[in-house]
PDB file of N, CA and C in Angstrom:
ATOM      1  N   MET A   1      -4.906 -11.465   0.199  1.00  0.00           N
ATOM      2  CA  MET A   1      -4.074 -10.412   0.599  1.00  0.00           C
ATOM      3  C   MET A   1      -2.734 -11.036   1.118  1.00  0.00           C
ATOM      4  N   LEU A   2      -1.367 -10.567   0.902  1.00  0.00           N
ATOM      5  CA  LEU A   2      -0.291 -11.768   0.916  1.00  0.00           C
ATOM      6  C   LEU A   2       0.104 -10.395   1.728  1.00  0.00           C
ATOM      7  N   GLU A   3       1.255 -11.020   2.959  1.00  0.00           N
ATOM      8  CA  GLU A   3       2.204 -10.388   4.256  1.00  0.00           C
ATOM      9  C   GLU A   3       3.259 -10.747   3.708  1.00  0.00           C
ATOM     10  N   ALA A   4       4.657  -9.673   3.578  1.00  0.00           N
ATOM     11  CA  ALA A   4       5.523 -10.388   4.352  1.00  0.00           C
ATOM     12  C   ALA A   4       6.394  -8.939   5.355  1.00  0.00           C
ATOM     13  N   GLU A   5       7.273  -9.664   6.027  1.00  0.00           N
ATOM     14  CA  GLU A   5       8.023  -8.843   6.492  1.00  0.00           C
ATOM     15  C   GLU A   5       9.300  -9.006   6.847  1.00  0.00           C
ATOM     16  N   ALA A   6      10.058  -7.829   6.573  1.00  0.00           N
ATOM     17  CA  ALA A   6      11.756  -8.075   6.918  1.00  0.00           C
ATOM     18  C   ALA A   6      12.289  -6.991   8.019  1.00  0.00           C
ATOM     19  N   ARG A   7      13.321  -7.530   9.211  1.00  0.00           N
ATOM     20  CA  ARG A   7      13.863  -6.753   9.522  1.00  0.00           C
ATOM     21  C   ARG A   7      15.292  -6.978   9.957  1.00  0.00           C
ATOM     22  N   ILE A   8      16.019  -5.518   9.671  1.00  0.00           N
ATOM     23  CA  ILE A   8      17.411  -5.388   9.623  1.00  0.00           C
ATOM     24  C   ILE A   8      18.029  -5.009  10.909  1.00  0.00           C
ATOM     25  N   ALA A   9      18.901  -6.014  11.339  1.00  0.00           N
ATOM     26  CA  ALA A   9      19.919  -5.454  12.240  1.00  0.00           C
ATOM     27  C   ALA A   9      20.601  -4.169  12.068  1.00  0.00           C
ATOM     28  N   THR A  10      20.186  -2.810  12.347  1.00  0.00           N
ATOM     29  CA  THR A  10      21.442  -1.723  12.186  1.00  0.00           C
ATOM     30  C   THR A  10      21.040  -0.329  12.949  1.00  0.00           C
ATOM     31  N   ASN A  11      22.233   0.024  12.943  1.00  0.00           N
ATOM     32  CA  ASN A  11      22.277   0.874  13.691  1.00  0.00           C
ATOM     33  C   ASN A  11      22.055   2.792  12.720  1.00  0.00           C
ATOM     34  N   GLU A  12      22.032   1.749  11.704  1.00  0.00           N
ATOM     35  CA  GLU A  12      22.086   3.095  10.758  1.00  0.00           C
ATOM     36  C   GLU A  12      20.226   2.707   9.998  1.00  0.00           C
ATOM     37  N   ALA A  13      18.901   2.777  10.638  1.00  0.00           N
ATOM     38  CA  ALA A  13      18.011   2.170  10.549  1.00  0.00           C
ATOM     39  C   ALA A  13      17.539   3.522   9.864  1.00  0.00           C
ATOM     40  N   SER A  14      17.877   4.840  10.616  1.00  0.00           N
ATOM     41  CA  SER A  14      16.920   6.450   9.709  1.00  0.00           C
ATOM     42  C   SER A  14      17.631   6.565   9.254  1.00  0.00           C
ATOM     43  N   ARG A  15      18.537   6.074   8.120  1.00  0.00           N
ATOM     44  CA  ARG A  15      19.292   6.930   6.958  1.00  0.00           C
ATOM     45  C   ARG A  15      18.797   5.628   6.004  1.00  0.00           C
ATOM     46  N   TYR A  16      19.416   4.376   5.945  1.00  0.00           N
ATOM     47  CA  TYR A  16      18.031   3.827   5.204  1.00  0.00           C
ATOM     48  C   TYR A  16      16.677   4.080   4.632  1.00  0.00           C
ATOM     49  N   LEU A  17      16.199   4.091   5.695  1.00  0.00           N
ATOM     50  CA  LEU A  17      14.315   4.595   5.565  1.00  0.00           C
ATOM     51  C   LEU A  17      14.677   5.524   4.811  1.00  0.00           C
ATOM     52  N   THR A  18      15.234   6.612   5.271  1.00  0.00           N
ATOM     53  CA  THR A  18      15.252   7.786   4.531  1.00  0.00           C
ATOM     54  C   THR A  18      15.686   7.891   3.146  1.00  0.00           C
ATOM     55  N   GLU A  19      16.807   7.272   2.751  1.00  0.00           N
ATOM     56  CA  GLU A  19      17.263   6.970   1.455  1.00  0.00           C
ATOM     57  C   GLU A  19      16.072   6.202   0.361  1.00  0.00           C
ATOM     58  N   VAL A  20      15.515   5.159   1.379  1.00  0.00           N
ATOM     59  CA  VAL A  20      14.542   3.938   0.013  1.00  0.00           C
ATOM     60  C   VAL A  20      13.703   5.104   0.084  1.00  0.00           C
ATOM     61  N   ALA A  21      12.788   5.910   1.066  1.00  0.00           N
ATOM     62  CA  ALA A  21      11.776   7.025   0.659  1.00  0.00           C
ATOM     63  C   ALA A  21      11.994   7.676  -0.243  1.00  0.00           C
ATOM     64  N   LEU A  22      13.397   8.413  -0.120  1.00  0.00           N
ATOM     65  CA  LEU A  22      14.183   9.400  -0.914  1.00  0.00           C
ATOM     66  C   LEU A  22      13.907   8.716  -2.824  1.00  0.00           C
ATOM     67  N   ALA A  23      14.041   7.510  -2.874  1.00  0.00           N
ATOM     68  CA  ALA A  23      14.452   7.187  -4.198  1.00  0.00           C
ATOM     69  C   ALA A  23      13.388   7.015  -5.366  1.00  0.00           C
ATOM     70  N   TRP A  24      12.031   7.145  -3.928  1.00  0.00           N
ATOM     71  CA  TRP A  24      10.603   6.628  -4.879  1.00  0.00           C
ATOM     72  C   TRP A  24      10.322   7.727  -4.603  1.00  0.00           C
ATOM     73  N   VAL A  25      10.323   8.782  -4.031  1.00  0.00           N
ATOM     74  CA  VAL A  25       9.409  10.552  -4.156  1.00  0.00           C
ATOM     75  C   VAL A  25       8.420  11.019  -4.864  1.00  0.00           C
ATOM     76  N   HIS A  26       9.456  10.577  -6.467  1.00  0.00           N
ATOM     77  CA  HIS A  26       8.782  11.205  -7.346  1.00  0.00           C
ATOM     78  C   HIS A  26       8.144  10.022  -8.739  1.00  0.00           C
ATOM     79  N   THR A  27       8.038   8.862  -7.601  1.00  0.00           N
ATOM     80  CA  THR A  27       7.860   8.178  -8.853  1.00  0.00           C
ATOM     81  C   THR A  27       6.286   7.526  -7.905  1.00  0.00           C
ATOM     82  N   TYR A  28       6.232   7.209  -7.271  1.00  0.00           N
ATOM     83  CA  TYR A  28       5.036   6.815  -5.914  1.00  0.00           C
ATOM     84  C   TYR A  28       4.751   7.524  -4.773  1.00  0.00           C
ATOM     85  N   PRO A  29       3.626   7.559  -4.693  1.00  0.00           N
ATOM     86  CA  PRO A  29       3.069   8.097  -2.983  1.00  0.00           C
ATOM     87  C   PRO A  29       3.499   7.750  -2.144  1.00  0.00           C
ATOM     88  N   VAL A  30       4.300   8.586  -1.455  1.00  0.00           N
ATOM     89  CA  VAL A  30       5.294   8.364  -0.249  1.00  0.00           C
ATOM     90  C   VAL A  30       5.275   9.590   0.548  1.00  0.00           C
ATOM     91  N   ARG A  31       4.979   8.758   1.824  1.00  0.00           N
ATOM     92  CA  ARG A  31       5.078  10.038   3.297  1.00  0.00           C
ATOM     93  C   ARG A  31       5.883   9.154   3.985  1.00  0.00           C
ATOM     94  N   TYR A  32       6.772  10.323   4.339  1.00  0.00           N
ATOM     95  CA  TYR A  32       8.076   9.832   5.292  1.00  0.00           C
ATOM     96  C   TYR A  32       8.558  11.182   6.529  1.00  0.00           C
ATOM     97  N   ASP A  33       9.024   9.686   8.006  1.00  0.00           N
ATOM     98  CA  ASP A  33       9.681  11.104   8.345  1.00  0.00           C
ATOM     99  C   ASP A  33      11.122  10.511   8.704  1.00  0.00           C
ATOM    100  N   ALA A  34      12.162  11.083   9.865  1.00  0.00           N
ATOM    101  CA  ALA A  34      12.749   9.847   9.995  1.00  0.00           C
ATOM    102  C   ALA A  34      12.447   9.043  10.704  1.00  0.00           C
ATOM    103  N   ILE A  35      11.407   8.556  11.349  1.00  0.00           N
ATOM    104  CA  ILE A  35      10.757   7.203  12.195  1.00  0.00           C
ATOM    105  C   ILE A  35      10.627   6.549  10.817  1.00  0.00           C
ATOM    106  N   THR A  36       9.194   6.495  10.000  1.00  0.00           N
ATOM    107  CA  THR A  36       8.193   6.239   9.979  1.00  0.00           C
ATOM    108  C   THR A  36       8.177   6.118   8.120  1.00  0.00           C
ATOM    109  N   ALA A  37       7.895   5.647   7.229  1.00  0.00           N
ATOM    110  CA  ALA A  37       7.507   5.736   5.849  1.00  0.00           C
ATOM    111  C   ALA A  37       6.602   4.597   5.572  1.00  0.00           C
ATOM    112  N   GLU A  38       6.224   5.086   4.277  1.00  0.00           N
ATOM    113  CA  GLU A  38       4.958   4.559   3.693  1.00  0.00           C
ATOM    114  C   GLU A  38       4.996   4.968   2.820  1.00  0.00           C
ATOM    115  N   VAL A  39       5.023   3.240   1.566  1.00  0.00           N
ATOM    116  CA  VAL A  39       5.243   3.854   0.530  1.00  0.00           C
ATOM    117  C   VAL A  39       4.206   3.209  -0.811  1.00  0.00           C
ATOM    118  N   GLU A  40       3.305   3.601  -1.514  1.00  0.00           N
ATOM    119  CA  GLU A  40       2.260   3.302  -2.149  1.00  0.00           C
ATOM    120  C   GLU A  40       3.233   2.541  -3.515  1.00  0.00           C
ATOM    121  N   LEU A  41       3.711   1.186  -3.088  1.00  0.00           N
ATOM    122  CA  LEU A  41       3.874   0.724  -4.789  1.00  0.00           C
ATOM    123  C   LEU A  41       3.179   0.056  -5.332  1.00  0.00           C
ATOM    124  N   PRO A  42       3.463  -0.774  -6.171  1.00  0.00           N
ATOM    125  CA  PRO A  42       2.414  -0.906  -7.797  1.00  0.00           C
ATOM    126  C   PRO A  42       2.123  -2.479  -7.134  1.00  0.00           C
ATOM    127  N   GLY A  43       2.547  -3.134  -6.380  1.00  0.00           N
ATOM    128  CA  GLY A  43       2.219  -4.400  -6.012  1.00  0.00           C
ATOM    129  C   GLY A  43       2.202  -4.511  -4.710  1.00  0.00           C
ATOM    130  N   GLY A  44       1.926  -3.683  -3.760  1.00  0.00           N
ATOM    131  CA  GLY A  44       1.608  -3.173  -2.148  1.00  0.00           C
ATOM    132  C   GLY A  44       2.069  -2.274  -1.639  1.00  0.00           C
ATOM    133  N   GLU A  45       1.596  -1.677  -0.486  1.00  0.00           N
ATOM    134  CA  GLU A  45       1.903  -0.928   0.430  1.00  0.00           C
ATOM    135  C   GLU A  45       2.754  -1.433   1.264  1.00  0.00           C
ATOM    136  N   LEU A  46       4.149  -0.587   1.528  1.00  0.00           N
ATOM    137  CA  LEU A  46       5.093  -0.707   1.988  1.00  0.00           C
ATOM    138  C   LEU A  46       5.270   0.916   3.149  1.00  0.00           C
ATOM    139  N   VAL A  47       5.440  -0.357   3.940  1.00  0.00           N
ATOM    140  CA  VAL A  47       5.342   0.536   5.619  1.00  0.00           C
ATOM    141  C   VAL A  47       6.964   0.116   5.863  1.00  0.00           C
ATOM    142  N   MET A  48       7.700   1.042   7.204  1.00  0.00           N
ATOM    143  CA  MET A  48       9.022   1.411   7.346  1.00  0.00           C
ATOM    144  C   MET A  48       9.014   1.208   8.531  1.00  0.00           C
ATOM    145  N   THR A  49       9.895   1.550   9.777  1.00  0.00           N
ATOM    146  CA  THR A  49      10.253   1.878  10.874  1.00  0.00           C
ATOM    147  C   THR A  49      10.745   1.288  11.399  1.00  0.00           C
ATOM    148  N   ALA A  50      12.178   2.579  11.654  1.00  0.00           N
ATOM    149  CA  ALA A  50      13.275   2.637  12.332  1.00  0.00           C
ATOM    150  C   ALA A  50      13.354   2.754  13.831  1.00  0.00           C
ATOM    151  N   ASP A  51      14.184   1.780  14.661  1.00  0.00           N
ATOM    152  CA  ASP A  51      14.284   2.242  15.612  1.00  0.00           C
ATOM    153  C   ASP A  51      15.490   2.180  15.764  1.00  0.00           C
ATOM    154  N   GLY A  52      15.923   2.444  17.306  1.00  0.00           N
ATOM    155  CA  GLY A  52      17.539   2.713  17.704  1.00  0.00           C
ATOM    156  C   GLY A  52      18.488   1.334  16.893  1.00  0.00           C
ATOM    157  N   ASP A  53      17.987   0.058  16.596  1.00  0.00           N
ATOM    158  CA  ASP A  53      18.893  -0.599  16.312  1.00  0.00           C
ATOM    159  C   ASP A  53      18.366  -1.644  14.890  1.00  0.00           C
ATOM    160  N   SER A  54      17.076  -1.368  14.926  1.00  0.00           N
ATOM    161  CA  SER A  54      16.480  -2.383  13.098  1.00  0.00           C
ATOM    162  C   SER A  54      15.674  -1.527  12.411  1.00  0.00           C
ATOM    163  N   LEU A  55      16.138  -1.311  11.046  1.00  0.00           N
ATOM    164  CA  LEU A  55      15.104  -1.623  10.047  1.00  0.00           C
ATOM    165  C   LEU A  55      14.061  -2.447  10.425  1.00  0.00           C
ATOM    166  N   SER A  56      12.340  -1.879  10.804  1.00  0.00           N
ATOM    167  CA  SER A  56      11.517  -3.242  10.008  1.00  0.00           C
ATOM    168  C   SER A  56      10.703  -2.682   8.688  1.00  0.00           C
ATOM    169  N   LEU A  57      10.340  -3.378   8.315  1.00  0.00           N
ATOM    170  CA  LEU A  57       9.668  -3.389   6.929  1.00  0.00           C
ATOM    171  C   LEU A  57       8.485  -4.247   6.853  1.00  0.00           C
ATOM    172  N   ARG A  58       7.417  -3.741   5.931  1.00  0.00           N
ATOM    173  CA  ARG A  58       6.200  -4.960   6.406  1.00  0.00           C
ATOM    174  C   ARG A  58       5.373  -4.111   4.705  1.00  0.00           C
ATOM    175  N   LEU A  59       5.121  -5.238   3.849  1.00  0.00           N
ATOM    176  CA  LEU A  59       4.458  -4.927   2.522  1.00  0.00           C
ATOM    177  C   LEU A  59       3.393  -5.945   2.617  1.00  0.00           C
ATOM    178  N   VAL A  60       2.465  -5.521   2.315  1.00  0.00           N
ATOM    179  CA  VAL A  60       0.737  -6.121   2.380  1.00  0.00           C
ATOM    180  C   VAL A  60       0.159  -5.484   0.754  1.00  0.00           C
ATOM    181  N   GLY A  61       0.036  -6.669  -0.024  1.00  0.00           N
ATOM    182  CA  GLY A  61      -0.318  -6.213  -1.269  1.00  0.00           C
ATOM    183  C   GLY A  61      -1.393  -7.538  -2.165  1.00  0.00           C
ATOM    184  N   PRO A  62      -1.729  -7.252  -3.037  1.00  0.00           N
ATOM    185  CA  PRO A  62      -2.570  -8.448  -3.526  1.00  0.00           C
ATOM    186  C   PRO A  62      -1.302  -9.648  -4.289  1.00  0.00           C
ATOM    187  N   GLU A  63      -2.411 -10.568  -3.743  1.00  0.00           N
ATOM    188  CA  GLU A  63      -1.273 -12.355  -4.187  1.00  0.00           C
ATOM    189  C   GLU A  63      -1.254 -12.075  -5.910  1.00  0.00           C
ATOM    190  N   GLY A  64      -0.014 -12.211  -6.405  1.00  0.00           N
ATOM    191  CA  GLY A  64       0.603 -11.724  -7.725  1.00  0.00           C
ATOM    192  C   GLY A  64       1.521 -11.832  -7.696  1.00  0.00           C
ATOM    193  N   GLU A  65       2.270 -11.638  -9.350  1.00  0.00           N
ATOM    194  CA  GLU A  65       3.750 -11.551  -9.642  1.00  0.00           C
ATOM    195  C   GLU A  65       3.762  -9.973  -9.198  1.00  0.00           C
ATOM    196  N   GLY A  66       3.152  -8.655  -9.334  1.00  0.00           N
ATOM    197  CA  GLY A  66       3.208  -7.473  -8.634  1.00  0.00           C
ATOM    198  C   GLY A  66       3.706  -7.568  -7.615  1.00  0.00           C
ATOM    199  N   PHE A  67       2.818  -8.254  -6.221  1.00  0.00           N
ATOM    200  CA  PHE A  67       3.019  -8.623  -5.113  1.00  0.00           C
ATOM    201  C   PHE A  67       5.101  -8.744  -4.787  1.00  0.00           C
ATOM    202  N   GLU A  68       5.370  -9.895  -5.208  1.00  0.00           N
ATOM    203  CA  GLU A  68       6.318 -10.641  -5.791  1.00  0.00           C
ATOM    204  C   GLU A  68       7.462  -9.302  -6.149  1.00  0.00           C
ATOM    205  N   ALA A  69       7.409  -8.517  -7.447  1.00  0.00           N
ATOM    206  CA  ALA A  69       8.140  -7.975  -8.051  1.00  0.00           C
ATOM    207  C   ALA A  69       8.299  -6.656  -7.050  1.00  0.00           C
ATOM    208  N   ALA A  70       7.262  -6.345  -6.137  1.00  0.00           N
ATOM    209  CA  ALA A  70       7.338  -5.590  -4.910  1.00  0.00           C
ATOM    210  C   ALA A  70       8.297  -5.648  -4.084  1.00  0.00           C
ATOM    211  N   LYS A  71       8.095  -6.800  -3.935  1.00  0.00           N
ATOM    212  CA  LYS A  71       9.204  -7.561  -2.750  1.00  0.00           C
ATOM    213  C   LYS A  71      10.603  -7.289  -2.882  1.00  0.00           C
ATOM    214  N   ARG A  72      11.017  -7.676  -3.957  1.00  0.00           N
ATOM    215  CA  ARG A  72      12.537  -7.719  -4.699  1.00  0.00           C
ATOM    216  C   ARG A  72      12.754  -6.104  -5.536  1.00  0.00           C
ATOM    217  N   MET A  73      11.887  -5.093  -5.718  1.00  0.00           N
ATOM    218  CA  MET A  73      12.273  -4.174  -5.539  1.00  0.00           C
ATOM    219  C   MET A  73      12.760  -3.345  -4.457  1.00  0.00           C
ATOM    220  N   VAL A  74      11.563  -3.763  -3.067  1.00  0.00           N
ATOM    221  CA  VAL A  74      12.063  -3.474  -2.281  1.00  0.00           C
ATOM    222  C   VAL A  74      13.413  -3.536  -1.689  1.00  0.00           C
ATOM    223  N   ALA A  75      13.484  -4.980  -1.228  1.00  0.00           N
ATOM    224  CA  ALA A  75      15.241  -5.748  -1.155  1.00  0.00           C
ATOM    225  C   ALA A  75      16.395  -5.475  -1.727  1.00  0.00           C
ATOM    226  N   GLU A  76      16.067  -4.387  -3.403  1.00  0.00           N
ATOM    227  CA  GLU A  76      17.214  -4.212  -4.227  1.00  0.00           C
ATOM    228  C   GLU A  76      17.818  -2.569  -3.800  1.00  0.00           C
ATOM    229  N   HIS A  77      16.510  -2.151  -2.830  1.00  0.00           N
ATOM    230  CA  HIS A  77      16.958  -0.374  -3.081  1.00  0.00           C
ATOM    231  C   HIS A  77      17.436  -0.432  -0.926  1.00  0.00           C
ATOM    232  N   VAL A  78      16.774  -2.049  -0.211  1.00  0.00           N
ATOM    233  CA  VAL A  78      17.570  -1.623   1.121  1.00  0.00           C
ATOM    234  C   VAL A  78      18.888  -1.934   1.125  1.00  0.00           C
ATOM    235  N   ASP A  79      19.362  -3.115  -0.112  1.00  0.00           N
ATOM    236  CA  ASP A  79      20.663  -3.133  -0.183  1.00  0.00           C
ATOM    237  C   ASP A  79      21.397  -2.454  -0.424  1.00  0.00           C
ATOM    238  N   ARG A  80      21.206  -1.158  -1.776  1.00  0.00           N
ATOM    239  CA  ARG A  80      21.136  -0.836  -2.279  1.00  0.00           C
ATOM    240  C   ARG A  80      22.080   1.109  -1.332  1.00  0.00           C
ATOM    241  N   ALA A  81      21.261   1.244  -0.250  1.00  0.00           N
ATOM    242  CA  ALA A  81      21.512   1.896   0.572  1.00  0.00           C
ATOM    243  C   ALA A  81      22.277   1.265   1.401  1.00  0.00           C
ATOM    244  N   ALA A  82      21.955   0.156   1.776  1.00  0.00           N
ATOM    245  CA  ALA A  82      23.192  -0.502   2.931  1.00  0.00           C
ATOM    246  C   ALA A  82      24.487  -1.150   2.863  1.00  0.00           C
ATOM    247  N   GLY A  83      24.648  -0.958   1.192  1.00  0.00           N
ATOM    248  CA  GLY A  83      25.400  -1.078   0.520  1.00  0.00           C
ATOM    249  C   GLY A  83      27.243  -1.231   1.468  1.00  0.00           C
ATOM    250  N   ARG A  84      27.537  -0.118   1.996  1.00  0.00           N
ATOM    251  CA  ARG A  84      28.571  -0.155   2.483  1.00  0.00           C
ATOM    252  C   ARG A  84      28.936  -0.434   3.986  1.00  0.00           C
ATOM    253  N   ASP A  85      27.624  -1.475   4.077  1.00  0.00           N
ATOM    254  CA  ASP A  85      27.634  -2.124   6.270  1.00  0.00           C
ATOM    255  C   ASP A  85      27.615  -3.415   5.487  1.00  0.00           C
ATOM    256  N   ALA A  86      28.929  -4.438   5.211  1.00  0.00           N
ATOM    257  CA  ALA A  86      28.868  -5.465   5.457  1.00  0.00           C
ATOM    258  C   ALA A  86      27.469  -6.349   6.062  1.00  0.00           C
ATOM    259  N   GLY A  87      27.318  -7.279   5.614  1.00  0.00           N
ATOM    260  CA  GLY A  87      26.264  -8.254   5.856  1.00  0.00           C
ATOM    261  C   GLY A  87      25.123  -7.881   6.424  1.00  0.00           C
ATOM    262  N   VAL A  88      24.395  -6.577   5.740  1.00  0.00           N
ATOM    263  CA  VAL A  88      23.254  -5.761   5.717  1.00  0.00           C
ATOM    264  C   VAL A  88      22.753  -6.307   4.653  1.00  0.00           C
ATOM    265  N   ARG A  89      21.560  -7.490   4.829  1.00  0.00           N
ATOM    266  CA  ARG A  89      20.953  -7.437   3.675  1.00  0.00           C
ATOM    267  C   ARG A  89      18.579  -7.476   4.033  1.00  0.00           C
ATOM    268  N   CYS A  90      18.453  -7.457   2.993  1.00  0.00           N
ATOM    269  CA  CYS A  90      16.842  -7.381   3.111  1.00  0.00           C
ATOM    270  C   CYS A  90      16.884  -8.756   2.812  1.00  0.00           C
ATOM    271  N   VAL A  91      16.189  -9.553   3.892  1.00  0.00           N
ATOM    272  CA  VAL A  91      15.444 -11.104   3.818  1.00  0.00           C
ATOM    273  C   VAL A  91      13.611 -11.488   4.429  1.00  0.00           C
ATOM    274  N   TRP A  92      13.267 -11.442   2.920  1.00  0.00           N
ATOM    275  CA  TRP A  92      11.584 -11.262   3.458  1.00  0.00           C
ATOM    276  C   TRP A  92      11.407 -12.656   3.779  1.00  0.00           C
ATOM    277  N   ASN A  93      10.248 -12.848   4.878  1.00  0.00           N
ATOM    278  CA  ASN A  93       9.513 -13.420   5.432  1.00  0.00           C
ATOM    279  C   ASN A  93       8.180 -13.415   5.395  1.00  0.00           C
ATOM    280  N   GLN A  94       7.813 -14.398   4.524  1.00  0.00           N
ATOM    281  CA  GLN A  94       5.965 -14.370   4.176  1.00  0.00           C
ATOM    282  C   GLN A  94       5.246 -14.804   5.219  1.00  0.00           C
ATOM    283  N   LEU A  95       4.163 -13.968   5.668  1.00  0.00           N
ATOM    284  CA  LEU A  95       3.646 -14.758   6.763  1.00  0.00           C
ATOM    285  C   LEU A  95       2.055 -15.040   6.396  1.00  0.00           C
ATOM    286  N   SER A  96       1.427 -14.269   4.711  1.00  0.00           N
ATOM    287  CA  SER A  96       0.424 -14.829   4.499  1.00  0.00           C
ATOM    288  C   SER A  96       0.671 -14.745   3.019  1.00  0.00           C
TER     289      SER A  96
END
């Protein structure tokens, strides 16, 4: 299994989390509230956590192109949600 994480410094973490979760609610299994979200993507399981000054993302999934595609898809959605905030971008750190 592969793991990647991203941490985005922002005061809008809950809003970003909600926007990303809502973007997938009709396509993938999603559980969310204002603080946490879990999304079962084809390439892995995404967990997002919002606190007062950051949005943390963790993606866990099997090795392969599906995992890389999931990382790209999540980053695109987060970047789109943060589009109005200069300098806010999703950058993944590979853990394993």
